[in-house]
C-alpha atoms as a PDB file:
ATOM      1  CA  MET A   1       0.000   0.000   0.000  1.00  0.00           C
ATOM      2  CA  THR A   2       1.233   3.477  -0.898  1.00  0.00           C
ATOM      3  CA  TYR A   3       0.296   6.077   1.713  1.00  0.00           C
ATOM      4  CA  ILE A   4      -0.222   9.711   0.725  1.00  0.00           C
ATOM      5  CA  ALA A   5      -0.745  13.014   2.549  1.00  0.00           C
ATOM      6  CA  ILE A   6      -2.184  16.117   0.881  1.00  0.00           C
ATOM      7  CA  VAL A   7      -1.406  19.634   2.125  1.00  0.00           C
ATOM      8  CA  ASP A   8      -3.357  22.502   0.580  1.00  0.00           C
ATOM      9  CA  ASP A   9      -5.367  25.401   1.984  1.00  0.00           C
ATOM     10  CA  LYS A  10      -8.242  24.800  -0.457  1.00  0.00           C
ATOM     11  CA  LYS A  11     -10.619  22.165   0.912  1.00  0.00           C
ATOM     12  CA  SER A  12     -12.232  21.482  -2.462  1.00  0.00           C
ATOM     13  CA  LEU A  13      -8.856  20.658  -4.001  1.00  0.00           C
ATOM     14  CA  ARG A  14      -7.859  18.440  -1.076  1.00  0.00           C
ATOM     15  CA  THR A  15     -11.111  16.511  -1.324  1.00  0.00           C
ATOM     16  CA  ALA A  16     -10.992  16.113  -5.103  1.00  0.00           C
ATOM     17  CA  LEU A  17      -7.381  14.958  -5.070  1.00  0.00           C
ATOM     18  CA  MET A  18      -8.029  12.558  -2.198  1.00  0.00           C
ATOM     19  CA  ASP A  19     -10.998  10.989  -3.978  1.00  0.00           C
ATOM     20  CA  LYS A  20      -9.013  10.500  -7.186  1.00  0.00           C
ATOM     21  CA  LEU A  21      -6.006   8.937  -5.462  1.00  0.00           C
ATOM     22  CA  ASN A  22      -8.128   6.695  -3.251  1.00  0.00           C
ATOM     23  CA  SER A  23      -9.791   5.336  -6.391  1.00  0.00           C
ATOM     24  CA  TYR A  24      -6.495   3.724  -7.417  1.00  0.00           C
ATOM     25  CA  GLU A  25      -5.765   0.243  -6.136  1.00  0.00           C
ATOM     26  CA  ASN A  26      -3.139   0.123  -3.363  1.00  0.00           C
ATOM     27  CA  TYR A  27      -3.265   3.889  -2.783  1.00  0.00           C
ATOM     28  CA  GLU A  28      -4.554   5.450   0.412  1.00  0.00           C
ATOM     29  CA  VAL A  29      -4.622   9.082   1.538  1.00  0.00           C
ATOM     30  CA  LEU A  30      -3.746   8.939   5.234  1.00  0.00           C
ATOM     31  CA  PHE A  31      -4.718  12.523   5.940  1.00  0.00           C
ATOM     32  CA  THR A  32      -5.091  16.008   4.493  1.00  0.00           C
ATOM     33  CA  ALA A  33      -3.898  19.266   6.050  1.00  0.00           C
ATOM     34  CA  GLU A  34      -4.784  22.905   5.405  1.00  0.00           C
ATOM     35  CA  ASN A  35      -1.321  24.400   5.985  1.00  0.00           C
ATOM     36  CA  GLY A  36       2.224  23.507   6.999  1.00  0.00           C
ATOM     37  CA  GLU A  37       1.609  23.737  10.726  1.00  0.00           C
ATOM     38  CA  ASP A  38      -1.462  21.516  10.460  1.00  0.00           C
ATOM     39  CA  PHE A  39       0.620  19.049   8.424  1.00  0.00           C
ATOM     40  CA  LEU A  40       3.400  18.816  11.036  1.00  0.00           C
ATOM     41  CA  GLN A  41       0.870  18.226  13.799  1.00  0.00           C
ATOM     42  CA  LYS A  42      -0.854  15.456  11.853  1.00  0.00           C
ATOM     43  CA  MET A  43       2.502  13.877  10.989  1.00  0.00           C
ATOM     44  CA  MET A  44       3.212  13.524  14.707  1.00  0.00           C
ATOM     45  CA  GLU A  45       0.029  11.508  15.061  1.00  0.00           C
ATOM     46  CA  ALA A  46       0.541   9.513  11.856  1.00  0.00           C
ATOM     47  CA  ARG A  47       4.039   8.339  12.790  1.00  0.00           C
ATOM     48  CA  LYS A  48       2.558   6.411  15.736  1.00  0.00           C
ATOM     49  CA  SER A  49       1.132   3.962  13.195  1.00  0.00           C
ATOM     50  CA  VAL A  50       2.369   4.653   9.665  1.00  0.00           C
ATOM     51  CA  GLU A  51       3.946   7.679   7.987  1.00  0.00           C
ATOM     52  CA  PRO A  52       2.935   8.744   4.470  1.00  0.00           C
ATOM     53  CA  ASP A  53       5.300   7.654   1.701  1.00  0.00           C
ATOM     54  CA  VAL A  54       4.692  10.830  -0.313  1.00  0.00           C
ATOM     55  CA  ILE A  55       3.377  14.251   0.696  1.00  0.00           C
ATOM     56  CA  LEU A  56       1.735  16.437  -1.967  1.00  0.00           C
ATOM     57  CA  MET A  57       2.564  19.957  -0.834  1.00  0.00           C
ATOM     58  CA  ASP A  58       1.133  23.295  -1.932  1.00  0.00           C
ATOM     59  CA  ILE A  59       3.321  26.402  -1.555  1.00  0.00           C
ATOM     60  CA  ASP A  60       1.148  29.444  -0.847  1.00  0.00           C
ATOM     61  CA  MET A  61      -0.697  28.695   2.418  1.00  0.00           C
ATOM     62  CA  PRO A  62      -1.470  30.732   5.551  1.00  0.00           C
ATOM     63  CA  VAL A  63       0.145  30.119   8.957  1.00  0.00           C
ATOM     64  CA  MET A  64       3.038  28.101   7.465  1.00  0.00           C
ATOM     65  CA  ASN A  65       3.760  27.873   3.744  1.00  0.00           C
ATOM     66  CA  GLY A  66       4.782  24.732   1.885  1.00  0.00           C
ATOM     67  CA  ILE A  67       8.463  25.565   1.564  1.00  0.00           C
ATOM     68  CA  GLU A  68       8.888  25.994   5.315  1.00  0.00           C
ATOM     69  CA  ALA A  69       6.823  22.847   5.881  1.00  0.00           C
ATOM     70  CA  VAL A  70       9.114  20.832   3.583  1.00  0.00           C
ATOM     71  CA  LEU A  71      12.212  22.206   5.298  1.00  0.00           C
ATOM     72  CA  LYS A  72      10.944  21.183   8.736  1.00  0.00           C
ATOM     73  CA  GLY A  73       9.366  17.976   7.478  1.00  0.00           C
ATOM     74  CA  LYS A  74      12.626  16.814   5.887  1.00  0.00           C
ATOM     75  CA  GLU A  75      14.425  17.254   9.195  1.00  0.00           C
ATOM     76  CA  ARG A  76      11.792  15.428  11.267  1.00  0.00           C
ATOM     77  CA  TYR A  77      10.503  12.862   8.778  1.00  0.00           C
ATOM     78  CA  PRO A  78      13.304  12.136   6.284  1.00  0.00           C
ATOM     79  CA  ASN A  79      11.800   8.857   5.081  1.00  0.00           C
ATOM     80  CA  SER A  80       8.854  10.590   3.391  1.00  0.00           C
ATOM     81  CA  ARG A  81       9.117  12.108  -0.092  1.00  0.00           C
ATOM     82  CA  TYR A  82       7.905  15.651  -0.723  1.00  0.00           C
ATOM     83  CA  LEU A  83       6.274  16.518  -4.046  1.00  0.00           C
ATOM     84  CA  MET A  84       5.362  20.159  -4.568  1.00  0.00           C
ATOM     85  CA  LEU A  85       1.967  20.513  -6.262  1.00  0.00           C
ATOM     86  CA  THR A  86       1.374  24.197  -6.881  1.00  0.00           C
ATOM     87  CA  ILE A  87       0.340  26.900  -9.325  1.00  0.00           C
ATOM     88  CA  PHE A  88       3.665  28.715  -8.934  1.00  0.00           C
ATOM     89  CA  ASP A  89       6.351  28.415 -11.603  1.00  0.00           C
ATOM     90  CA  GLU A  90       8.450  31.427 -10.595  1.00  0.00           C
ATOM     91  CA  ASP A  91      12.209  30.923 -10.368  1.00  0.00           C
ATOM     92  CA  ASP A  92      12.423  31.955  -6.714  1.00  0.00           C
ATOM     93  CA  LYS A  93       9.707  29.490  -5.700  1.00  0.00           C
ATOM     94  CA  ILE A  94      11.403  26.637  -7.565  1.00  0.00           C
ATOM     95  CA  PHE A  95      14.820  27.492  -6.148  1.00  0.00           C
ATOM     96  CA  SER A  96      13.483  27.806  -2.594  1.00  0.00           C
ATOM     97  CA  ALA A  97      11.600  24.508  -2.845  1.00  0.00           C
ATOM     98  CA  ILE A  98      14.683  22.693  -4.125  1.00  0.00           C
ATOM     99  CA  LYS A  99      16.858  24.176  -1.386  1.00  0.00           C
ATOM    100  CA  ALA A 100      14.267  23.156   1.215  1.00  0.00           C
ATOM    101  CA  GLY A 101      14.529  19.546   0.030  1.00  0.00           C
ATOM    102  CA  ALA A 102      11.557  19.031  -2.303  1.00  0.00           C
ATOM    103  CA  ASP A 103      11.879  15.742  -4.183  1.00  0.00           C
ATOM    104  CA  GLY A 104       9.766  16.865  -7.135  1.00  0.00           C
ATOM    105  CA  TYR A 105       7.773  19.823  -8.460  1.00  0.00           C
ATOM    106  CA  LEU A 106       4.528  19.598 -10.439  1.00  0.00           C
ATOM    107  CA  LEU A 107       2.034  22.230 -11.471  1.00  0.00           C
ATOM    108  CA  LYS A 108      -1.584  21.801 -10.369  1.00  0.00           C
ATOM    109  CA  ASP A 109      -2.858  21.657 -13.950  1.00  0.00           C
ATOM    110  CA  GLU A 110      -1.135  18.302 -14.474  1.00  0.00           C
ATOM    111  CA  PRO A 111      -3.608  15.401 -14.925  1.00  0.00           C
ATOM    112  CA  ILE A 112      -4.019  12.955 -12.047  1.00  0.00           C
ATOM    113  CA  ASP A 113      -2.234  10.221 -14.023  1.00  0.00           C
ATOM    114  CA  LYS A 114       0.836  12.463 -14.157  1.00  0.00           C
ATOM    115  CA  VAL A 115       0.685  12.928 -10.383  1.00  0.00           C
ATOM    116  CA  LYS A 116       0.390   9.158  -9.917  1.00  0.00           C
ATOM    117  CA  ASP A 117       3.374   8.568 -12.236  1.00  0.00           C
ATOM    118  CA  ALA A 118       5.378  11.130 -10.242  1.00  0.00           C
ATOM    119  CA  ILE A 119       4.595   9.284  -7.015  1.00  0.00           C
ATOM    120  CA  ILE A 120       5.745   6.012  -8.579  1.00  0.00           C
ATOM    121  CA  ASN A 121       8.968   7.633  -9.822  1.00  0.00           C
ATOM    122  CA  LEU A 122       9.737   8.958  -6.357  1.00  0.00           C
ATOM    123  CA  LEU A 123       9.129   5.623  -4.670  1.00  0.00           C
ATOM    124  CA  ASN A 124      11.279   3.820  -7.270  1.00  0.00           C
ATOM    125  CA  ASN A 125      14.108   6.382  -6.919  1.00  0.00           C
ATOM    126  CA  GLU A 126      13.790   7.277 -10.604  1.00  0.00           C
ATOM    127  CA  GLY A 127      14.781  10.909 -10.244  1.00  0.00           C
ATOM    128  CA  ALA A 128      12.849  14.048  -9.376  1.00  0.00           C
ATOM    129  CA  PRO A 129       9.575  14.387 -11.305  1.00  0.00           C
ATOM    130  CA  MET A 130       8.955  17.863 -12.691  1.00  0.00           C
ATOM    131  CA  SER A 131       6.496  19.468 -15.049  1.00  0.00           C
ATOM    132  CA  PRO A 132       8.287  20.238 -18.347  1.00  0.00           C
ATOM    133  CA  SER A 133       8.192  24.012 -17.806  1.00  0.00           C
ATOM    134  CA  ILE A 134       9.597  23.554 -14.291  1.00  0.00           C
ATOM    135  CA  ALA A 135      12.402  21.316 -15.566  1.00  0.00           C
ATOM    136  CA  ARG A 136      13.415  23.992 -18.078  1.00  0.00           C
ATOM    137  CA  LYS A 137      13.458  26.661 -15.389  1.00  0.00           C
ATOM    138  CA  ALA A 138      15.419  24.383 -13.037  1.00  0.00           C
ATOM    139  CA  LEU A 139      18.021  23.854 -15.750  1.00  0.00           C
ATOM    140  CA  LYS A 140      18.303  27.615 -16.196  1.00  0.00           C
ATOM    141  CA  LEU A 141      18.792  28.008 -12.454  1.00  0.00           C
ATOM    142  CA  LEU A 142      21.596  25.461 -12.532  1.00  0.00           C
ATOM    143  CA  MET A 143      23.347  27.350 -15.291  1.00  0.00           C
ATOM    144  CA  GLN A 144      23.006  30.642 -13.427  1.00  0.00           C
ATOM    145  CA  ALA A 145      24.316  29.062 -10.232  1.00  0.00           C
ATOM    146  CA  SER A 146      27.772  28.666 -11.773  1.00  0.00           C
ATOM    147  CA  ILE A 147      28.209  32.449 -12.236  1.00  0.00           C
ATOM    148  CA  ASP A 148      31.153  33.754 -10.193  1.00  0.00           C
ATOM    149  CA  LEU A 149      30.544  36.097  -7.290  1.00  0.00           C
ATOM    150  CA  PRO A 150      31.937  39.644  -7.681  1.00  0.00           C
ATOM    151  CA  ASN A 151      35.727  39.643  -7.170  1.00  0.00           C
ATOM    152  CA  GLN A 152      35.580  36.047  -6.028  1.00  0.00           C
ATOM    153  CA  LYS A 153      35.949  32.999  -8.244  1.00  0.00           C
ATOM    154  CA  ALA A 154      33.581  30.208  -7.343  1.00  0.00           C
ATOM    155  CA  PRO A 155      35.363  26.980  -6.442  1.00  0.00           C
ATOM    156  CA  GLU A 156      35.349  24.231  -9.057  1.00  0.00           C
ATOM    157  CA  TYR A 157      34.718  20.607  -8.167  1.00  0.00           C
ATOM    158  CA  ASP A 158      35.676  17.753 -10.471  1.00  0.00           C
ATOM    159  CA  TYR A 159      33.481  14.710  -9.951  1.00  0.00           C
ATOM    160  CA  HIS A 160      34.985  12.975 -12.993  1.00  0.00           C
ATOM    161  CA  LEU A 161      31.714  12.458 -14.825  1.00  0.00           C
ATOM    162  CA  THR A 162      32.254  10.858 -18.215  1.00  0.00           C
ATOM    163  CA  PRO A 163      30.840  12.593 -21.316  1.00  0.00           C
ATOM    164  CA  LYS A 164      28.017  10.015 -21.409  1.00  0.00           C
ATOM    165  CA  GLU A 165      27.215  10.628 -17.741  1.00  0.00           C
ATOM    166  CA  GLN A 166      27.164  14.383 -18.315  1.00  0.00           C
ATOM    167  CA  GLU A 167      24.794  13.839 -21.246  1.00  0.00           C
ATOM    168  CA  VAL A 168      22.476  11.651 -19.159  1.00  0.00           C
ATOM    169  CA  LEU A 169      22.504  14.170 -16.304  1.00  0.00           C
ATOM    170  CA  SER A 170      21.630  16.953 -18.725  1.00  0.00           C
ATOM    171  CA  PHE A 171      18.634  14.995 -20.019  1.00  0.00           C
ATOM    172  CA  LEU A 172      17.521  14.219 -16.457  1.00  0.00           C
ATOM    173  CA  ILE A 173      17.609  17.881 -15.488  1.00  0.00           C
ATOM    174  CA  GLU A 174      15.579  18.752 -18.581  1.00  0.00           C
ATOM    175  CA  GLY A 175      12.849  16.430 -17.322  1.00  0.00           C
ATOM    176  CA  TYR A 176      13.219  13.414 -19.607  1.00  0.00           C
ATOM    177  CA  GLU A 177      12.287   9.952 -18.322  1.00  0.00           C
ATOM    178  CA  TYR A 178      14.619   6.937 -18.484  1.00  0.00           C
ATOM    179  CA  LYS A 179      13.045   5.465 -21.636  1.00  0.00           C
ATOM    180  CA  GLU A 180      13.123   8.843 -23.407  1.00  0.00           C
ATOM    181  CA  ILE A 181      16.803   9.286 -22.549  1.00  0.00           C
ATOM    182  CA  ALA A 182      17.542   5.795 -23.856  1.00  0.00           C
ATOM    183  CA  GLN A 183      15.821   6.618 -27.152  1.00  0.00           C
ATOM    184  CA  LYS A 184      17.696   9.903 -27.535  1.00  0.00           C
ATOM    185  CA  MET A 185      21.036   8.247 -26.790  1.00  0.00           C
ATOM    186  CA  MET A 186      20.148   5.151 -28.849  1.00  0.00           C
ATOM    187  CA  THR A 187      20.862   2.798 -25.989  1.00  0.00           C
ATOM    188  CA  SER A 188      18.918   0.623 -23.547  1.00  0.00           C
ATOM    189  CA  PRO A 189      17.056   1.836 -20.427  1.00  0.00           C
ATOM    190  CA  ASN A 190      19.297  -0.456 -18.356  1.00  0.00           C
ATOM    191  CA  THR A 191      22.383   1.332 -19.673  1.00  0.00           C
ATOM    192  CA  VAL A 192      20.793   4.667 -18.717  1.00  0.00           C
ATOM    193  CA  ARG A 193      20.056   3.308 -15.230  1.00  0.00           C
ATOM    194  CA  ASN A 194      23.691   2.259 -14.882  1.00  0.00           C
ATOM    195  CA  HIS A 195      24.862   5.735 -15.927  1.00  0.00           C
ATOM    196  CA  ILE A 196      22.513   7.329 -13.380  1.00  0.00           C
ATOM    197  CA  ALA A 197      23.711   4.986 -10.638  1.00  0.00           C
ATOM    198  CA  ASN A 198      27.288   6.011 -11.409  1.00  0.00           C
ATOM    199  CA  ILE A 199      26.334   9.702 -11.445  1.00  0.00           C
ATOM    200  CA  TYR A 200      24.677   9.494  -8.037  1.00  0.00           C
ATOM    201  CA  LYS A 201      27.647   7.559  -6.655  1.00  0.00           C
ATOM    202  CA  LYS A 202      30.150  10.134  -7.922  1.00  0.00           C
ATOM    203  CA  LEU A 203      28.083  13.083  -6.696  1.00  0.00           C
ATOM    204  CA  HIS A 204      27.333  11.316  -3.393  1.00  0.00           C
ATOM    205  CA  VAL A 205      23.579  11.849  -3.833  1.00  0.00           C
ATOM    206  CA  THR A 206      20.551   9.558  -4.071  1.00  0.00           C
ATOM    207  CA  SER A 207      18.161  11.577  -6.227  1.00  0.00           C
ATOM    208  CA  LYS A 208      17.995  14.160  -8.991  1.00  0.00           C
ATOM    209  CA  ALA A 209      16.745  16.766  -6.540  1.00  0.00           C
ATOM    210  CA  GLN A 210      19.917  16.312  -4.482  1.00  0.00           C
ATOM    211  CA  ALA A 211      22.003  16.590  -7.654  1.00  0.00           C
ATOM    212  CA  ILE A 212      20.268  19.897  -8.440  1.00  0.00           C
ATOM    213  CA  ARG A 213      21.047  21.216  -4.953  1.00  0.00           C
ATOM    214  CA  LEU A 214      24.667  20.226  -5.493  1.00  0.00           C
ATOM    215  CA  PHE A 215      24.684  22.139  -8.781  1.00  0.00           C
ATOM    216  CA  THR A 216      23.550  25.292  -6.993  1.00  0.00           C
ATOM    217  CA  LYS A 217      26.752  25.184  -4.918  1.00  0.00           C
ATOM    218  CA  ASN A 218      29.413  23.677  -7.193  1.00  0.00           C
ATOM    219  CA  ASN A 219      30.434  23.396 -10.823  1.00  0.00           C
ATOM    220  CA  VAL A 220      30.047  19.689 -11.573  1.00  0.00           C
ATOM    221  CA  SER A 221      32.108  18.153 -14.349  1.00  0.00           C
END
């Protein structure tokens, strides 16, 4: 059974999303919360029995917003995955969510099947699911992150990624799935998986979201 939590200040959205996810076999919404503070309180109760595998988190909420909730949730409940589900596609929101530890970032206009696929990808450690427009913006943020500070050269870090690994990482950041990367590189999905495993090992990360956070600090090559 895959356990889900939904955090959003709009009751109608929480209810609709809960009903859709509960209609899938082996999916159960443990609880919904109306803001970050409500979420943290309900997580304390949930952990006494079972914690949600994935939390669908809105950003703009009263009392405590989604970014702060992810930051605190990651510290207290690191075994859960945090998928932002929001209307915001601004650079600062994306950057803040990634820094806080979000494992994925989808826009609310994505169909429910896309949300379900994102949950599956997170649970299978298949990278950080992102809406295509978000993936493009995230890539732009990574490129901007390598700009030197005034009068101070940013340190360079050599992780010894091979050209193939750099190519795979680039496709991942752009939001392509394993099978799509395999088609573009004219190779097998298993070969792509092996490249990704090597990338994560060299970068000392376990997900694409962590790789993105690393990019915001260092030049990876």
